[in-house]
Amino acid sequence: MDKSHLSDPERVARLMLAACLAYLWVIYLGAVTQQDGWQAIIHRRQRCNLRLFQLGLRLLDYFLNQINRFPARLTLCQKVSGSEYAT
């Protein structure tokens, strides 16, 4: 943030918002990596010693550099009361 040289509070707030959303998106991609089995493709098959953020970055890198496209829709199911799932 210091390197941005922004002094206007509104612009700093927008930059912080964009950075926070990007961080959450990469964490989400890390969760998708673990849930949907992408971990075996982008990291070890036996065990994983990477955090969600690193997994998310590796999945994003894989999509952009190996597949040359990003899936149009990635969903993460969350357990909701009992055995039903919601996206």
Protein backbone atom coordinates (compact mmCIF):
# COMPACT_ATOMS: atom_id res chain seq x y z
CA MET A 1 0.00 0.00 0.00
CA ASP A 2 2.89 2.36 0.70
CA LYS A 3 4.22 1.87 -2.82
CA SER A 4 0.93 3.05 -4.34
CA HIS A 5 1.65 6.65 -3.25
CA LEU A 6 -2.06 7.29 -2.90
CA SER A 7 -3.04 10.16 -0.63
CA ASP A 8 -6.75 10.44 -1.35
CA PRO A 9 -8.62 8.45 1.34
CA GLU A 10 -11.29 7.36 -1.15
CA ARG A 11 -8.72 5.86 -3.50
CA VAL A 12 -6.91 4.15 -0.65
CA ALA A 13 -10.22 2.66 0.49
CA ARG A 14 -10.93 1.35 -3.02
CA LEU A 15 -7.46 -0.14 -3.25
CA MET A 16 -7.91 -1.84 0.13
CA LEU A 17 -11.28 -3.20 -0.95
CA ALA A 18 -9.81 -4.62 -4.17
CA ALA A 19 -6.90 -6.18 -2.25
CA CYS A 20 -9.26 -7.76 0.30
CA LEU A 21 -11.53 -9.19 -2.40
CA ALA A 22 -8.54 -10.62 -4.26
CA TYR A 23 -7.29 -12.22 -1.04
CA LEU A 24 -10.69 -13.78 -0.32
CA TRP A 25 -10.94 -15.05 -3.90
CA VAL A 26 -7.55 -16.78 -3.69
CA ILE A 27 -8.54 -18.36 -0.34
CA TYR A 28 -11.76 -19.55 -2.00
CA LEU A 29 -9.72 -21.09 -4.84
CA GLY A 30 -7.62 -22.88 -2.22
CA ALA A 31 -10.76 -24.36 -0.70
CA VAL A 32 -11.96 -25.42 -4.15
CA THR A 33 -8.56 -27.05 -4.72
CA GLN A 34 -8.99 -29.24 -1.66
CA GLN A 35 -12.66 -30.01 -2.18
CA ASP A 36 -12.66 -30.79 -5.90
CA GLY A 37 -9.45 -32.81 -6.07
CA TRP A 38 -7.25 -30.29 -7.91
CA GLN A 39 -4.59 -30.78 -5.23
CA ALA A 40 -3.31 -33.97 -6.88
CA ILE A 41 -2.68 -32.01 -10.09
CA ILE A 42 -0.99 -28.91 -8.66
CA HIS A 43 0.77 -30.39 -5.61
CA ARG A 44 1.71 -33.68 -4.00
CA ARG A 45 -0.75 -36.55 -4.07
CA GLN A 46 0.10 -38.04 -0.67
CA ARG A 47 0.01 -35.06 1.65
CA CYS A 48 -0.20 -31.31 1.40
CA ASN A 49 1.80 -28.87 3.46
CA LEU A 50 0.52 -25.73 1.76
CA ARG A 51 -1.96 -23.27 3.19
CA LEU A 52 -5.19 -22.35 1.39
CA PHE A 53 -3.66 -19.16 0.00
CA GLN A 54 -0.76 -21.00 -1.64
CA LEU A 55 -3.09 -23.68 -3.01
CA GLY A 56 -5.33 -20.97 -4.45
CA LEU A 57 -2.41 -19.20 -6.10
CA ARG A 58 -1.18 -22.46 -7.60
CA LEU A 59 -4.65 -23.31 -8.92
CA LEU A 60 -4.99 -19.86 -10.46
CA ASP A 61 -1.54 -20.21 -12.03
CA TYR A 62 -2.49 -23.66 -13.36
CA PHE A 63 -5.70 -22.37 -14.93
CA LEU A 64 -4.04 -19.38 -16.53
CA ASN A 65 -0.83 -21.04 -17.74
CA GLN A 66 -1.62 -24.70 -18.35
CA ILE A 67 -5.25 -24.75 -19.40
CA ASN A 68 -5.22 -21.19 -20.86
CA ARG A 69 -8.73 -20.57 -19.62
CA PHE A 70 -10.52 -20.20 -16.33
CA PRO A 71 -13.64 -22.28 -15.59
CA ALA A 72 -16.73 -20.16 -16.03
CA ARG A 73 -18.23 -21.33 -12.76
CA LEU A 74 -16.63 -22.68 -9.63
CA THR A 75 -18.93 -23.51 -6.76
CA LEU A 76 -18.16 -24.44 -3.21
CA CYS A 77 -20.84 -26.36 -1.35
CA GLN A 78 -21.42 -25.62 2.29
CA LYS A 79 -23.19 -28.00 4.62
CA VAL A 80 -26.50 -26.61 5.82
CA SER A 81 -28.53 -28.32 8.57
CA GLY A 82 -28.43 -32.05 8.10
CA SER A 83 -27.42 -33.53 4.81
CA GLU A 84 -28.54 -30.74 2.47
CA TYR A 85 -26.01 -28.58 0.69
CA ALA A 86 -26.25 -25.03 -0.52
CA THR A 87 -23.97 -23.17 -2.89
